[in-house]
PDB file of N, CA and C in Angstrom:
ATOM      1  N   MET A   1     -84.258 -68.872 -63.666  1.00  0.00           N
ATOM      2  CA  MET A   1     -84.249 -67.721 -63.790  1.00  0.00           C
ATOM      3  C   MET A   1     -84.287 -66.661 -64.400  1.00  0.00           C
ATOM      4  N   THR A   2     -84.902 -65.565 -64.262  1.00  0.00           N
ATOM      5  CA  THR A   2     -85.472 -64.495 -65.145  1.00  0.00           C
ATOM      6  C   THR A   2     -84.492 -63.235 -65.517  1.00  0.00           C
ATOM      7  N   TYR A   3     -84.734 -62.560 -66.781  1.00  0.00           N
ATOM      8  CA  TYR A   3     -84.549 -61.087 -66.515  1.00  0.00           C
ATOM      9  C   TYR A   3     -85.333 -60.158 -67.149  1.00  0.00           C
ATOM     10  N   ARG A   4     -85.490 -59.211 -66.271  1.00  0.00           N
ATOM     11  CA  ARG A   4     -86.172 -58.218 -66.964  1.00  0.00           C
ATOM     12  C   ARG A   4     -85.649 -56.924 -67.600  1.00  0.00           C
ATOM     13  N   THR A   5     -86.106 -57.223 -68.908  1.00  0.00           N
ATOM     14  CA  THR A   5     -85.810 -55.974 -69.841  1.00  0.00           C
ATOM     15  C   THR A   5     -85.261 -54.679 -69.444  1.00  0.00           C
ATOM     16  N   VAL A   6     -84.572 -53.830 -70.132  1.00  0.00           N
ATOM     17  CA  VAL A   6     -84.656 -52.268 -70.024  1.00  0.00           C
ATOM     18  C   VAL A   6     -84.677 -51.852 -71.259  1.00  0.00           C
ATOM     19  N   GLN A   7     -85.275 -50.511 -71.541  1.00  0.00           N
ATOM     20  CA  GLN A   7     -85.745 -50.001 -72.778  1.00  0.00           C
ATOM     21  C   GLN A   7     -84.359 -50.298 -73.854  1.00  0.00           C
ATOM     22  N   GLY A   8     -84.263 -50.741 -74.394  1.00  0.00           N
ATOM     23  CA  GLY A   8     -83.450 -51.000 -75.730  1.00  0.00           C
ATOM     24  C   GLY A   8     -82.905 -52.430 -75.718  1.00  0.00           C
ATOM     25  N   ASP A   9     -83.222 -52.990 -74.987  1.00  0.00           N
ATOM     26  CA  ASP A   9     -82.766 -54.351 -74.679  1.00  0.00           C
ATOM     27  C   ASP A   9     -82.784 -55.109 -76.373  1.00  0.00           C
ATOM     28  N   THR A  10     -81.547 -55.564 -76.849  1.00  0.00           N
ATOM     29  CA  THR A  10     -81.905 -56.570 -77.737  1.00  0.00           C
ATOM     30  C   THR A  10     -81.523 -57.992 -77.375  1.00  0.00           C
ATOM     31  N   TRP A  11     -81.986 -59.041 -78.546  1.00  0.00           N
ATOM     32  CA  TRP A  11     -81.379 -60.290 -77.910  1.00  0.00           C
ATOM     33  C   TRP A  11     -80.328 -60.674 -77.780  1.00  0.00           C
ATOM     34  N   ASP A  12     -79.017 -60.104 -78.794  1.00  0.00           N
ATOM     35  CA  ASP A  12     -77.720 -60.546 -78.230  1.00  0.00           C
ATOM     36  C   ASP A  12     -77.098 -59.458 -77.579  1.00  0.00           C
ATOM     37  N   LEU A  13     -77.831 -58.397 -76.920  1.00  0.00           N
ATOM     38  CA  LEU A  13     -77.442 -57.587 -75.774  1.00  0.00           C
ATOM     39  C   LEU A  13     -78.040 -58.543 -74.401  1.00  0.00           C
ATOM     40  N   ILE A  14     -79.061 -58.811 -74.183  1.00  0.00           N
ATOM     41  CA  ILE A  14     -79.391 -59.563 -73.137  1.00  0.00           C
ATOM     42  C   ILE A  14     -78.945 -60.829 -73.186  1.00  0.00           C
ATOM     43  N   SER A  15     -78.634 -61.600 -74.446  1.00  0.00           N
ATOM     44  CA  SER A  15     -77.448 -63.016 -74.267  1.00  0.00           C
ATOM     45  C   SER A  15     -76.123 -62.578 -73.467  1.00  0.00           C
ATOM     46  N   TYR A  16     -75.785 -61.567 -73.993  1.00  0.00           N
ATOM     47  CA  TYR A  16     -74.200 -61.062 -73.389  1.00  0.00           C
ATOM     48  C   TYR A  16     -74.189 -60.863 -71.845  1.00  0.00           C
ATOM     49  N   LYS A  17     -75.496 -60.077 -71.431  1.00  0.00           N
ATOM     50  CA  LYS A  17     -75.875 -59.411 -70.134  1.00  0.00           C
ATOM     51  C   LYS A  17     -75.827 -60.923 -69.270  1.00  0.00           C
ATOM     52  N   VAL A  18     -76.170 -62.124 -69.756  1.00  0.00           N
ATOM     53  CA  VAL A  18     -76.866 -63.324 -68.769  1.00  0.00           C
ATOM     54  C   VAL A  18     -75.692 -64.282 -69.238  1.00  0.00           C
ATOM     55  N   TYR A  19     -75.393 -64.540 -70.121  1.00  0.00           N
ATOM     56  CA  TYR A  19     -73.957 -65.370 -70.283  1.00  0.00           C
ATOM     57  C   TYR A  19     -72.744 -64.961 -70.995  1.00  0.00           C
ATOM     58  N   GLU A  20     -72.562 -63.685 -70.682  1.00  0.00           N
ATOM     59  CA  GLU A  20     -71.020 -63.349 -71.141  1.00  0.00           C
ATOM     60  C   GLU A  20     -70.652 -63.672 -72.695  1.00  0.00           C
ATOM     61  N   THR A  21     -71.959 -63.827 -73.444  1.00  0.00           N
ATOM     62  CA  THR A  21     -71.493 -64.169 -74.946  1.00  0.00           C
ATOM     63  C   THR A  21     -72.824 -64.067 -75.856  1.00  0.00           C
ATOM     64  N   GLU A  22     -72.493 -63.656 -76.833  1.00  0.00           N
ATOM     65  CA  GLU A  22     -73.826 -63.377 -77.608  1.00  0.00           C
ATOM     66  C   GLU A  22     -74.089 -64.869 -78.385  1.00  0.00           C
ATOM     67  N   ASP A  23     -73.291 -65.643 -78.163  1.00  0.00           N
ATOM     68  CA  ASP A  23     -73.883 -66.945 -78.778  1.00  0.00           C
ATOM     69  C   ASP A  23     -74.945 -67.533 -78.261  1.00  0.00           C
ATOM     70  N   HIS A  24     -75.589 -67.636 -77.090  1.00  0.00           N
ATOM     71  CA  HIS A  24     -76.712 -67.986 -76.905  1.00  0.00           C
ATOM     72  C   HIS A  24     -78.155 -67.405 -76.592  1.00  0.00           C
ATOM     73  N   MET A  25     -77.978 -66.719 -77.787  1.00  0.00           N
ATOM     74  CA  MET A  25     -79.242 -65.627 -78.197  1.00  0.00           C
ATOM     75  C   MET A  25     -80.415 -66.582 -78.597  1.00  0.00           C
ATOM     76  N   PRO A  26     -79.782 -67.573 -79.384  1.00  0.00           N
ATOM     77  CA  PRO A  26     -80.971 -68.852 -79.744  1.00  0.00           C
ATOM     78  C   PRO A  26     -81.515 -69.628 -78.329  1.00  0.00           C
ATOM     79  N   LEU A  27     -81.161 -69.672 -77.615  1.00  0.00           N
ATOM     80  CA  LEU A  27     -81.433 -70.390 -76.516  1.00  0.00           C
ATOM     81  C   LEU A  27     -82.191 -69.277 -75.808  1.00  0.00           C
ATOM     82  N   LEU A  28     -81.923 -68.106 -75.367  1.00  0.00           N
ATOM     83  CA  LEU A  28     -83.030 -67.559 -74.836  1.00  0.00           C
ATOM     84  C   LEU A  28     -84.485 -66.922 -75.963  1.00  0.00           C
ATOM     85  N   MET A  29     -84.351 -66.985 -77.355  1.00  0.00           N
ATOM     86  CA  MET A  29     -85.589 -67.003 -77.749  1.00  0.00           C
ATOM     87  C   MET A  29     -86.247 -68.216 -77.626  1.00  0.00           C
ATOM     88  N   ASP A  30     -85.367 -69.491 -77.891  1.00  0.00           N
ATOM     89  CA  ASP A  30     -86.207 -70.669 -77.645  1.00  0.00           C
ATOM     90  C   ASP A  30     -86.952 -70.578 -76.436  1.00  0.00           C
ATOM     91  N   ALA A  31     -86.645 -70.151 -75.288  1.00  0.00           N
ATOM     92  CA  ALA A  31     -86.997 -70.114 -74.238  1.00  0.00           C
ATOM     93  C   ALA A  31     -88.259 -68.960 -74.009  1.00  0.00           C
ATOM     94  N   ASN A  32     -88.289 -68.401 -75.038  1.00  0.00           N
ATOM     95  CA  ASN A  32     -89.382 -67.002 -74.864  1.00  0.00           C
ATOM     96  C   ASN A  32     -89.637 -67.480 -76.221  1.00  0.00           C
ATOM     97  N   THR A  33     -90.595 -68.079 -76.807  1.00  0.00           N
ATOM     98  CA  THR A  33     -91.152 -67.808 -77.901  1.00  0.00           C
ATOM     99  C   THR A  33     -92.068 -66.883 -78.500  1.00  0.00           C
ATOM    100  N   GLU A  34     -92.668 -66.217 -77.276  1.00  0.00           N
ATOM    101  CA  GLU A  34     -93.887 -65.329 -77.640  1.00  0.00           C
ATOM    102  C   GLU A  34     -93.399 -63.744 -77.835  1.00  0.00           C
ATOM    103  N   HIS A  35     -91.874 -63.984 -77.487  1.00  0.00           N
ATOM    104  CA  HIS A  35     -90.873 -62.789 -77.823  1.00  0.00           C
ATOM    105  C   HIS A  35     -90.434 -62.504 -78.997  1.00  0.00           C
ATOM    106  N   ALA A  36     -90.243 -63.919 -79.507  1.00  0.00           N
ATOM    107  CA  ALA A  36     -88.938 -63.850 -80.549  1.00  0.00           C
ATOM    108  C   ALA A  36     -89.161 -63.241 -81.628  1.00  0.00           C
ATOM    109  N   ARG A  37     -90.339 -62.473 -81.983  1.00  0.00           N
ATOM    110  CA  ARG A  37     -90.290 -61.356 -83.023  1.00  0.00           C
ATOM    111  C   ARG A  37     -89.595 -60.289 -82.808  1.00  0.00           C
ATOM    112  N   THR A  38     -89.069 -59.971 -81.138  1.00  0.00           N
ATOM    113  CA  THR A  38     -89.419 -58.801 -80.787  1.00  0.00           C
ATOM    114  C   THR A  38     -87.663 -58.338 -81.312  1.00  0.00           C
ATOM    115  N   VAL A  39     -87.624 -57.339 -81.502  1.00  0.00           N
ATOM    116  CA  VAL A  39     -85.886 -56.639 -81.979  1.00  0.00           C
ATOM    117  C   VAL A  39     -85.687 -55.892 -81.250  1.00  0.00           C
ATOM    118  N   VAL A  40     -85.896 -54.965 -80.736  1.00  0.00           N
ATOM    119  CA  VAL A  40     -85.752 -53.796 -79.763  1.00  0.00           C
ATOM    120  C   VAL A  40     -86.597 -54.055 -78.442  1.00  0.00           C
ATOM    121  N   PHE A  41     -86.549 -54.441 -77.414  1.00  0.00           N
ATOM    122  CA  PHE A  41     -87.506 -54.371 -76.167  1.00  0.00           C
ATOM    123  C   PHE A  41     -87.755 -53.169 -75.735  1.00  0.00           C
ATOM    124  N   PRO A  42     -89.202 -53.301 -74.931  1.00  0.00           N
ATOM    125  CA  PRO A  42     -89.492 -51.941 -74.099  1.00  0.00           C
ATOM    126  C   PRO A  42     -88.520 -52.305 -72.819  1.00  0.00           C
ATOM    127  N   ALA A  43     -89.352 -51.427 -71.614  1.00  0.00           N
ATOM    128  CA  ALA A  43     -88.342 -51.629 -70.480  1.00  0.00           C
ATOM    129  C   ALA A  43     -89.988 -52.654 -69.899  1.00  0.00           C
ATOM    130  N   ASN A  44     -89.302 -53.629 -68.808  1.00  0.00           N
ATOM    131  CA  ASN A  44     -89.859 -54.341 -67.736  1.00  0.00           C
ATOM    132  C   ASN A  44     -90.675 -55.680 -68.681  1.00  0.00           C
ATOM    133  N   VAL A  45     -89.804 -56.259 -69.645  1.00  0.00           N
ATOM    134  CA  VAL A  45     -90.352 -57.478 -70.325  1.00  0.00           C
ATOM    135  C   VAL A  45     -89.845 -58.657 -69.125  1.00  0.00           C
ATOM    136  N   VAL A  46     -90.547 -59.437 -68.683  1.00  0.00           N
ATOM    137  CA  VAL A  46     -89.473 -60.247 -67.978  1.00  0.00           C
ATOM    138  C   VAL A  46     -89.631 -61.748 -68.854  1.00  0.00           C
ATOM    139  N   LEU A  47     -88.119 -61.955 -69.107  1.00  0.00           N
ATOM    140  CA  LEU A  47     -87.677 -63.354 -69.988  1.00  0.00           C
ATOM    141  C   LEU A  47     -86.928 -64.473 -69.099  1.00  0.00           C
ATOM    142  N   GLN A  48     -87.898 -65.603 -69.322  1.00  0.00           N
ATOM    143  CA  GLN A  48     -87.259 -66.370 -68.801  1.00  0.00           C
ATOM    144  C   GLN A  48     -85.460 -67.069 -69.517  1.00  0.00           C
ATOM    145  N   VAL A  49     -84.693 -67.439 -68.413  1.00  0.00           N
ATOM    146  CA  VAL A  49     -83.540 -67.464 -68.880  1.00  0.00           C
ATOM    147  C   VAL A  49     -83.049 -68.769 -68.198  1.00  0.00           C
ATOM    148  N   PRO A  50     -82.415 -70.057 -69.199  1.00  0.00           N
ATOM    149  CA  PRO A  50     -82.203 -71.322 -69.031  1.00  0.00           C
ATOM    150  C   PRO A  50     -80.655 -71.157 -68.439  1.00  0.00           C
ATOM    151  N   ALA A  51     -80.335 -72.347 -67.972  1.00  0.00           N
ATOM    152  CA  ALA A  51     -78.754 -72.508 -67.463  1.00  0.00           C
ATOM    153  C   ALA A  51     -78.377 -72.572 -68.707  1.00  0.00           C
ATOM    154  N   LYS A  52     -77.233 -71.664 -68.631  1.00  0.00           N
ATOM    155  CA  LYS A  52     -76.061 -71.484 -69.208  1.00  0.00           C
ATOM    156  C   LYS A  52     -75.769 -73.236 -69.532  1.00  0.00           C
ATOM    157  N   PRO A  53     -75.687 -73.492 -71.104  1.00  0.00           N
ATOM    158  CA  PRO A  53     -75.088 -74.850 -71.396  1.00  0.00           C
ATOM    159  C   PRO A  53     -73.346 -75.166 -71.113  1.00  0.00           C
ATOM    160  N   ALA A  54     -73.117 -76.230 -70.704  1.00  0.00           N
ATOM    161  CA  ALA A  54     -71.914 -76.692 -70.291  1.00  0.00           C
ATOM    162  C   ALA A  54     -71.088 -76.516 -71.347  1.00  0.00           C
ATOM    163  N   GLU A  55     -70.276 -75.933 -71.520  1.00  0.00           N
ATOM    164  CA  GLU A  55     -69.005 -75.868 -72.657  1.00  0.00           C
ATOM    165  C   GLU A  55     -68.601 -77.404 -72.986  1.00  0.00           C
ATOM    166  N   SER A  56     -68.231 -77.440 -74.244  1.00  0.00           N
ATOM    167  CA  SER A  56     -67.578 -79.066 -74.602  1.00  0.00           C
ATOM    168  C   SER A  56     -66.141 -78.492 -75.438  1.00  0.00           C
ATOM    169  N   PHE A  57     -65.438 -79.702 -75.033  1.00  0.00           N
ATOM    170  CA  PHE A  57     -63.770 -79.277 -75.374  1.00  0.00           C
ATOM    171  C   PHE A  57     -64.085 -78.797 -77.196  1.00  0.00           C
ATOM    172  N   ALA A  58     -65.058 -79.119 -77.784  1.00  0.00           N
ATOM    173  CA  ALA A  58     -65.113 -78.759 -79.277  1.00  0.00           C
ATOM    174  C   ALA A  58     -65.503 -77.201 -79.079  1.00  0.00           C
ATOM    175  N   ASP A  59     -66.108 -76.747 -78.160  1.00  0.00           N
ATOM    176  CA  ASP A  59     -66.695 -75.155 -78.265  1.00  0.00           C
ATOM    177  C   ASP A  59     -65.444 -74.563 -77.844  1.00  0.00           C
ATOM    178  N   LEU A  60     -64.428 -74.626 -77.451  1.00  0.00           N
ATOM    179  CA  LEU A  60     -63.407 -73.815 -77.046  1.00  0.00           C
ATOM    180  C   LEU A  60     -62.043 -73.777 -78.053  1.00  0.00           C
ATOM    181  N   PRO A  61     -61.581 -72.380 -78.130  1.00  0.00           N
ATOM    182  CA  PRO A  61     -60.466 -72.080 -78.970  1.00  0.00           C
ATOM    183  C   PRO A  61     -59.453 -73.345 -79.085  1.00  0.00           C
ATOM    184  N   PRO A  62     -58.764 -73.372 -80.342  1.00  0.00           N
ATOM    185  CA  PRO A  62     -57.805 -74.030 -80.432  1.00  0.00           C
ATOM    186  C   PRO A  62     -56.725 -74.007 -79.256  1.00  0.00           C
ATOM    187  N   TRP A  63     -56.324 -72.840 -78.710  1.00  0.00           N
ATOM    188  CA  TRP A  63     -54.928 -72.871 -77.944  1.00  0.00           C
ATOM    189  C   TRP A  63     -55.443 -73.138 -76.481  1.00  0.00           C
ATOM    190  N   LYS A  64     -57.278 -73.560 -76.032  1.00  0.00           N
ATOM    191  CA  LYS A  64     -57.315 -73.676 -74.857  1.00  0.00           C
ATOM    192  C   LYS A  64     -57.715 -75.350 -75.151  1.00  0.00           C
ATOM    193  N   GLN A  65     -57.545 -75.992 -76.267  1.00  0.00           N
ATOM    194  CA  GLN A  65     -57.967 -77.573 -76.410  1.00  0.00           C
ATOM    195  C   GLN A  65     -56.782 -78.614 -76.412  1.00  0.00           C
ATOM    196  N   VAL A  66     -56.234 -78.278 -75.259  1.00  0.00           N
ATOM    197  CA  VAL A  66     -55.191 -78.822 -74.594  1.00  0.00           C
ATOM    198  C   VAL A  66     -55.389 -79.793 -73.414  1.00  0.00           C
ATOM    199  N   GLU A  67     -55.029 -81.061 -73.791  1.00  0.00           N
ATOM    200  CA  GLU A  67     -55.416 -82.008 -73.005  1.00  0.00           C
ATOM    201  C   GLU A  67     -54.764 -81.960 -71.978  1.00  0.00           C
ATOM    202  N   LEU A  68     -54.537 -82.066 -70.378  1.00  0.00           N
ATOM    203  CA  LEU A  68     -53.716 -82.003 -69.503  1.00  0.00           C
ATOM    204  C   LEU A  68     -53.698 -83.021 -68.828  1.00  0.00           C
TER     205      LEU A  68
END
């Protein structure tokens, strides 16, 4: 999957847009090393978007860590 930036996008904002969390910002940066030093993107930069990592039990908040 790819993502085309809009003027003013930042890594954390892009992560939130595609993964619904800012936590995967390093995953995006690792997949797009040629842009890793970019802080604020111009429009129309095409970035590679890796698949969202599977959520592990340890990644869940304590109130969701209930075994069924």
